[in-house]
Amino acid sequence: MPKMKTNRAAAKRFKKTANGGLKSANAFTSHRFHGKTKKQRRQLRGTDMMDSTNVKRYKKLLSNIK
């Protein structure tokens, strides 16, 4: 059976943490900031941990990333 390939689109968007979690950038940050409060905009900066309901699915896509 051939080796499982890493999904390259997912590899560019998500990073594995030391404890096995996944971190990613926040959604809703590309445009239309005039409808968001300053607090929302500030909290959308940087990265965040992925929700636990999605981690299993995305770990499979990132199977070869260490």
N, C-alpha and C. Protein backbone atom coordinates (compact mmCIF):
# COMPACT_ATOMS: atom_id res chain seq x y z
N MET A 1 0.84 -1.18 0.00
CA MET A 1 0.00 0.00 0.00
C MET A 1 0.89 1.25 0.00
N PRO A 2 0.58 2.25 -0.85
CA PRO A 2 1.43 3.44 -0.90
C PRO A 2 1.30 4.30 0.35
N LYS A 3 2.31 5.14 0.56
CA LYS A 3 2.28 6.06 1.68
C LYS A 3 1.19 7.09 1.49
N MET A 4 0.66 7.56 2.61
CA MET A 4 -0.37 8.60 2.54
C MET A 4 0.30 9.95 2.34
N LYS A 5 -0.19 10.72 1.38
CA LYS A 5 0.40 12.03 1.11
C LYS A 5 -0.19 13.09 2.03
N THR A 6 0.62 14.08 2.35
CA THR A 6 0.15 15.23 3.12
C THR A 6 -0.65 16.14 2.20
N ASN A 7 -1.77 16.61 2.68
CA ASN A 7 -2.55 17.58 1.92
C ASN A 7 -1.81 18.92 1.98
N ARG A 8 -1.29 19.39 0.84
CA ARG A 8 -0.43 20.57 0.83
C ARG A 8 -1.20 21.85 1.16
N ALA A 9 -2.47 21.92 0.80
CA ALA A 9 -3.27 23.11 1.13
C ALA A 9 -3.42 23.23 2.65
N ALA A 10 -3.67 22.10 3.31
CA ALA A 10 -3.80 22.12 4.77
C ALA A 10 -2.46 22.41 5.44
N ALA A 11 -1.36 21.90 4.87
CA ALA A 11 -0.05 22.10 5.46
C ALA A 11 0.34 23.58 5.47
N LYS A 12 -0.15 24.33 4.50
CA LYS A 12 0.16 25.75 4.43
C LYS A 12 -0.67 26.57 5.40
N ARG A 13 -1.80 26.04 5.82
CA ARG A 13 -2.73 26.80 6.66
C ARG A 13 -2.66 26.46 8.14
N PHE A 14 -2.24 25.25 8.48
CA PHE A 14 -2.26 24.79 9.87
C PHE A 14 -0.89 24.32 10.31
N LYS A 15 -0.58 24.51 11.60
CA LYS A 15 0.67 24.04 12.18
C LYS A 15 0.37 23.17 13.39
N LYS A 16 1.14 22.11 13.56
CA LYS A 16 1.00 21.27 14.74
C LYS A 16 1.75 21.89 15.90
N THR A 17 1.19 21.80 17.10
CA THR A 17 1.85 22.30 18.29
C THR A 17 2.61 21.14 18.95
N ALA A 18 3.42 21.46 19.93
CA ALA A 18 4.23 20.43 20.61
C ALA A 18 3.38 19.38 21.30
N ASN A 19 2.21 19.78 21.81
CA ASN A 19 1.33 18.83 22.50
C ASN A 19 0.35 18.14 21.56
N GLY A 20 0.49 18.34 20.26
CA GLY A 20 -0.34 17.63 19.30
C GLY A 20 -1.59 18.36 18.86
N GLY A 21 -1.78 19.59 19.32
CA GLY A 21 -2.93 20.37 18.86
C GLY A 21 -2.64 21.00 17.51
N LEU A 22 -3.60 21.74 17.00
CA LEU A 22 -3.41 22.44 15.74
C LEU A 22 -3.73 23.91 15.93
N LYS A 23 -2.91 24.77 15.33
CA LYS A 23 -3.20 26.19 15.39
C LYS A 23 -3.36 26.72 13.97
N SER A 24 -4.15 27.78 13.85
CA SER A 24 -4.41 28.35 12.54
C SER A 24 -4.78 29.82 12.70
N ALA A 25 -4.80 30.52 11.59
CA ALA A 25 -5.21 31.92 11.60
C ALA A 25 -6.72 31.99 11.77
N ASN A 26 -7.22 33.14 12.18
CA ASN A 26 -8.65 33.33 12.37
C ASN A 26 -9.35 33.63 11.05
N ALA A 27 -10.60 33.24 10.96
CA ALA A 27 -11.43 33.59 9.81
C ALA A 27 -11.96 35.01 9.99
N PHE A 28 -12.61 35.53 8.98
CA PHE A 28 -13.27 36.85 9.00
C PHE A 28 -12.27 38.00 9.14
N THR A 29 -11.10 37.89 8.51
CA THR A 29 -10.09 38.94 8.65
C THR A 29 -9.67 39.55 7.31
N SER A 30 -10.37 39.27 6.24
CA SER A 30 -9.89 39.75 4.95
C SER A 30 -10.47 41.09 4.52
N HIS A 31 -11.69 41.39 4.90
CA HIS A 31 -12.30 42.66 4.48
C HIS A 31 -13.52 42.96 5.34
N ARG A 32 -14.15 44.10 5.08
CA ARG A 32 -15.36 44.55 5.78
C ARG A 32 -15.13 44.75 7.27
N PHE A 33 -14.04 45.45 7.60
CA PHE A 33 -13.74 45.70 9.00
C PHE A 33 -14.60 46.80 9.60
N HIS A 34 -15.25 47.60 8.76
CA HIS A 34 -16.08 48.68 9.30
C HIS A 34 -17.30 48.14 10.04
N GLY A 35 -17.66 46.90 9.84
CA GLY A 35 -18.79 46.30 10.54
C GLY A 35 -18.40 45.61 11.83
N LYS A 36 -17.09 45.58 12.12
CA LYS A 36 -16.62 44.90 13.32
C LYS A 36 -16.13 45.92 14.35
N THR A 37 -16.27 45.58 15.61
CA THR A 37 -15.81 46.48 16.67
C THR A 37 -14.29 46.40 16.79
N LYS A 38 -13.70 47.38 17.48
CA LYS A 38 -12.25 47.37 17.70
C LYS A 38 -11.84 46.11 18.45
N LYS A 39 -12.65 45.71 19.41
CA LYS A 39 -12.35 44.51 20.19
C LYS A 39 -12.32 43.27 19.30
N GLN A 40 -13.29 43.15 18.39
CA GLN A 40 -13.32 42.01 17.47
C GLN A 40 -12.07 41.99 16.60
N ARG A 41 -11.73 43.15 16.04
CA ARG A 41 -10.57 43.23 15.16
C ARG A 41 -9.29 42.87 15.91
N ARG A 42 -9.15 43.33 17.13
CA ARG A 42 -7.96 43.04 17.93
C ARG A 42 -7.86 41.54 18.23
N GLN A 43 -8.99 40.93 18.54
CA GLN A 43 -8.97 39.51 18.90
C GLN A 43 -8.82 38.59 17.69
N LEU A 44 -9.06 39.10 16.49
CA LEU A 44 -8.90 38.29 15.29
C LEU A 44 -7.45 38.27 14.79
N ARG A 45 -6.59 39.14 15.36
CA ARG A 45 -5.18 39.14 14.96
C ARG A 45 -4.49 37.87 15.44
N GLY A 46 -3.44 37.47 14.75
CA GLY A 46 -2.62 36.35 15.20
C GLY A 46 -3.28 35.00 14.95
N THR A 47 -2.85 34.00 15.70
CA THR A 47 -3.35 32.64 15.51
C THR A 47 -4.16 32.19 16.72
N ASP A 48 -4.87 31.10 16.52
CA ASP A 48 -5.71 30.54 17.57
C ASP A 48 -5.69 29.03 17.46
N MET A 49 -6.01 28.35 18.53
CA MET A 49 -6.08 26.89 18.49
C MET A 49 -7.34 26.46 17.76
N MET A 50 -7.21 25.37 17.00
CA MET A 50 -8.34 24.84 16.26
C MET A 50 -9.32 24.19 17.23
N ASP A 51 -10.60 24.28 16.93
CA ASP A 51 -11.63 23.68 17.76
C ASP A 51 -11.45 22.16 17.81
N SER A 52 -11.68 21.58 18.96
CA SER A 52 -11.43 20.15 19.16
C SER A 52 -12.30 19.26 18.27
N THR A 53 -13.44 19.76 17.80
CA THR A 53 -14.30 18.96 16.93
C THR A 53 -13.69 18.75 15.55
N ASN A 54 -12.75 19.61 15.14
CA ASN A 54 -12.14 19.50 13.82
C ASN A 54 -10.75 18.87 13.83
N VAL A 55 -10.14 18.74 15.00
CA VAL A 55 -8.74 18.32 15.07
C VAL A 55 -8.51 16.95 14.45
N LYS A 56 -9.34 15.98 14.73
CA LYS A 56 -9.15 14.62 14.22
C LYS A 56 -9.14 14.59 12.69
N ARG A 57 -10.04 15.32 12.09
CA ARG A 57 -10.16 15.37 10.62
C ARG A 57 -8.91 15.99 9.99
N TYR A 58 -8.41 17.07 10.58
CA TYR A 58 -7.27 17.76 9.99
C TYR A 58 -5.94 17.08 10.29
N LYS A 59 -5.87 16.33 11.39
CA LYS A 59 -4.64 15.58 11.66
C LYS A 59 -4.43 14.51 10.59
N LYS A 60 -5.51 13.98 10.06
CA LYS A 60 -5.41 12.99 9.00
C LYS A 60 -4.83 13.62 7.73
N LEU A 61 -5.20 14.87 7.45
CA LEU A 61 -4.67 15.57 6.28
C LEU A 61 -3.19 15.90 6.46
N LEU A 62 -2.78 16.10 7.71
CA LEU A 62 -1.40 16.48 8.01
C LEU A 62 -0.60 15.28 8.53
N SER A 63 -0.93 14.10 8.06
CA SER A 63 -0.37 12.88 8.64
C SER A 63 1.15 12.80 8.59
N ASN A 64 1.80 13.40 7.59
CA ASN A 64 3.25 13.27 7.46
C ASN A 64 4.02 14.44 8.05
N ILE A 65 3.32 15.45 8.57
CA ILE A 65 3.99 16.61 9.17
C ILE A 65 4.40 16.26 10.60
N LYS A 66 5.63 16.55 10.95
CA LYS A 66 6.09 16.24 12.30
C LYS A 66 6.00 17.43 13.22
